[in-house]
Amino acid sequence: FPWGGTFTADWEHGKAIGDQPSAGDYTFGDGLEHKENRWDYCSGGDRRFYSERCNGLMPAGQSFLVDRGQTHSIPAGTYDCGDG
């Protein structure tokens, strides 16, 4: 996948086989594993970024606004849907 994610499965004739609906496991480029039935990332119960889950929270006043890298300007009248 373009952003470094991987889909791991058992394959037969070019199709993933196994339990449905996903028949495999997706891991995002940063290492976050998608858990279809136990997904708790970015939920009401835990709103931390994945890097914060792995490395802990920053001190008060130094919290992340995006998971990785620098924040960027968002033009008036538009929304940011890329970094969270």
C-alpha atoms as a PDB file:
ATOM      1  CA  PHE A   1       0.000   0.000   0.000  1.00  0.00           C
ATOM      2  CA  PRO A   2       1.276   3.513  -0.760  1.00  0.00           C
ATOM      3  CA  TRP A   3       1.586   4.620   2.892  1.00  0.00           C
ATOM      4  CA  GLY A   4       3.495   1.526   4.032  1.00  0.00           C
ATOM      5  CA  GLY A   5       0.594  -0.571   5.299  1.00  0.00           C
ATOM      6  CA  THR A   6       0.524  -4.333   4.824  1.00  0.00           C
ATOM      7  CA  PHE A   7      -2.242  -6.900   4.463  1.00  0.00           C
ATOM      8  CA  THR A   8      -1.234 -10.363   5.630  1.00  0.00           C
ATOM      9  CA  ALA A   9      -3.350 -13.420   4.844  1.00  0.00           C
ATOM     10  CA  ASP A  10      -3.327 -16.952   3.562  1.00  0.00           C
ATOM     11  CA  TRP A  11      -3.740 -16.774  -0.191  1.00  0.00           C
ATOM     12  CA  GLU A  12      -5.255 -19.188  -2.698  1.00  0.00           C
ATOM     13  CA  HIS A  13      -5.357 -18.360  -6.425  1.00  0.00           C
ATOM     14  CA  GLY A  14      -4.857 -14.644  -5.703  1.00  0.00           C
ATOM     15  CA  LYS A  15      -7.623 -14.376  -3.091  1.00  0.00           C
ATOM     16  CA  ALA A  16      -7.283 -14.059   0.669  1.00  0.00           C
ATOM     17  CA  ILE A  17      -8.893 -17.038   2.360  1.00  0.00           C
ATOM     18  CA  GLY A  18      -9.973 -17.507   5.961  1.00  0.00           C
ATOM     19  CA  ASP A  19     -12.462 -15.999   8.361  1.00  0.00           C
ATOM     20  CA  GLN A  20     -14.721 -13.426   6.767  1.00  0.00           C
ATOM     21  CA  PRO A  21     -15.290 -10.568   6.298  1.00  0.00           C
ATOM     22  CA  SER A  22     -11.611  -9.511   6.192  1.00  0.00           C
ATOM     23  CA  ALA A  23      -9.833 -12.880   5.773  1.00  0.00           C
ATOM     24  CA  GLY A  24      -6.559 -11.266   6.855  1.00  0.00           C
ATOM     25  CA  ASP A  25      -4.818  -8.688   8.995  1.00  0.00           C
ATOM     26  CA  TYR A  26      -4.052  -5.080   8.056  1.00  0.00           C
ATOM     27  CA  THR A  27      -1.170  -3.227   9.701  1.00  0.00           C
ATOM     28  CA  PHE A  28      -0.823   0.519   9.108  1.00  0.00           C
ATOM     29  CA  GLY A  29       2.556   1.973   8.082  1.00  0.00           C
ATOM     30  CA  ASP A  30       3.243   3.158  11.647  1.00  0.00           C
ATOM     31  CA  GLY A  31       2.741  -0.337  13.075  1.00  0.00           C
ATOM     32  CA  LEU A  32      -0.840   0.047  14.350  1.00  0.00           C
ATOM     33  CA  GLU A  33      -2.645  -3.254  13.822  1.00  0.00           C
ATOM     34  CA  HIS A  34      -6.275  -3.077  12.742  1.00  0.00           C
ATOM     35  CA  LYS A  35      -8.431  -5.286  14.943  1.00  0.00           C
ATOM     36  CA  GLU A  36     -11.799  -5.604  13.280  1.00  0.00           C
ATOM     37  CA  ASN A  37     -13.771  -6.823  16.280  1.00  0.00           C
ATOM     38  CA  ARG A  38     -11.678  -5.204  19.029  1.00  0.00           C
ATOM     39  CA  TRP A  39     -10.887  -1.785  17.561  1.00  0.00           C
ATOM     40  CA  ASP A  40     -10.327   0.746  20.351  1.00  0.00           C
ATOM     41  CA  TYR A  41      -8.005   3.222  18.625  1.00  0.00           C
ATOM     42  CA  CYS A  42      -9.323   6.765  18.218  1.00  0.00           C
ATOM     43  CA  SER A  43     -12.474   5.953  20.144  1.00  0.00           C
ATOM     44  CA  GLY A  44     -14.380   7.812  22.824  1.00  0.00           C
ATOM     45  CA  GLY A  45     -12.602   5.737  25.457  1.00  0.00           C
ATOM     46  CA  ASP A  46      -9.047   6.501  24.295  1.00  0.00           C
ATOM     47  CA  ARG A  47      -8.384   9.519  22.097  1.00  0.00           C
ATOM     48  CA  ARG A  48      -4.569   9.365  22.093  1.00  0.00           C
ATOM     49  CA  PHE A  49      -2.583   9.229  18.870  1.00  0.00           C
ATOM     50  CA  TYR A  50      -0.905   5.884  18.156  1.00  0.00           C
ATOM     51  CA  SER A  51       2.559   7.337  18.881  1.00  0.00           C
ATOM     52  CA  GLU A  52       1.250   8.469  22.293  1.00  0.00           C
ATOM     53  CA  ARG A  53      -0.058   4.988  22.996  1.00  0.00           C
ATOM     54  CA  CYS A  54       3.390   3.565  22.230  1.00  0.00           C
ATOM     55  CA  ASN A  55       5.585   6.268  23.815  1.00  0.00           C
ATOM     56  CA  GLY A  56       3.396   7.970  26.418  1.00  0.00           C
ATOM     57  CA  LEU A  57       1.856  11.414  26.592  1.00  0.00           C
ATOM     58  CA  MET A  58       3.785  14.658  26.345  1.00  0.00           C
ATOM     59  CA  PRO A  59       3.787  17.057  29.322  1.00  0.00           C
ATOM     60  CA  ALA A  60       0.953  19.591  29.632  1.00  0.00           C
ATOM     61  CA  GLY A  61       1.305  22.340  27.045  1.00  0.00           C
ATOM     62  CA  GLN A  62       3.359  20.145  24.691  1.00  0.00           C
ATOM     63  CA  SER A  63       0.531  17.893  23.496  1.00  0.00           C
ATOM     64  CA  PHE A  64       0.554  16.746  19.873  1.00  0.00           C
ATOM     65  CA  LEU A  65      -1.901  18.309  17.440  1.00  0.00           C
ATOM     66  CA  VAL A  66      -1.040  15.722  14.750  1.00  0.00           C
ATOM     67  CA  ASP A  67       0.390  12.261  15.237  1.00  0.00           C
ATOM     68  CA  ARG A  68       3.695  12.825  13.460  1.00  0.00           C
ATOM     69  CA  GLY A  69       5.512  15.794  12.018  1.00  0.00           C
ATOM     70  CA  GLN A  70       4.652  19.454  11.937  1.00  0.00           C
ATOM     71  CA  THR A  71       1.185  20.918  11.994  1.00  0.00           C
ATOM     72  CA  HIS A  72       0.229  22.612   8.770  1.00  0.00           C
ATOM     73  CA  SER A  73      -2.029  25.539   7.982  1.00  0.00           C
ATOM     74  CA  ILE A  74      -5.588  24.750   7.009  1.00  0.00           C
ATOM     75  CA  PRO A  75      -7.202  27.291   4.675  1.00  0.00           C
ATOM     76  CA  ALA A  76     -10.363  28.972   5.957  1.00  0.00           C
ATOM     77  CA  GLY A  77     -13.531  27.098   5.015  1.00  0.00           C
ATOM     78  CA  THR A  78     -11.770  23.727   4.674  1.00  0.00           C
ATOM     79  CA  TYR A  79     -11.270  20.712   6.926  1.00  0.00           C
ATOM     80  CA  ASP A  80      -8.236  18.614   7.841  1.00  0.00           C
ATOM     81  CA  CYS A  81      -8.968  14.941   7.261  1.00  0.00           C
ATOM     82  CA  GLY A  82      -5.421  13.699   6.657  1.00  0.00           C
ATOM     83  CA  ASP A  83      -3.581  13.694   9.985  1.00  0.00           C
ATOM     84  CA  GLY A  84      -6.358  13.722  12.575  1.00  0.00           C
END
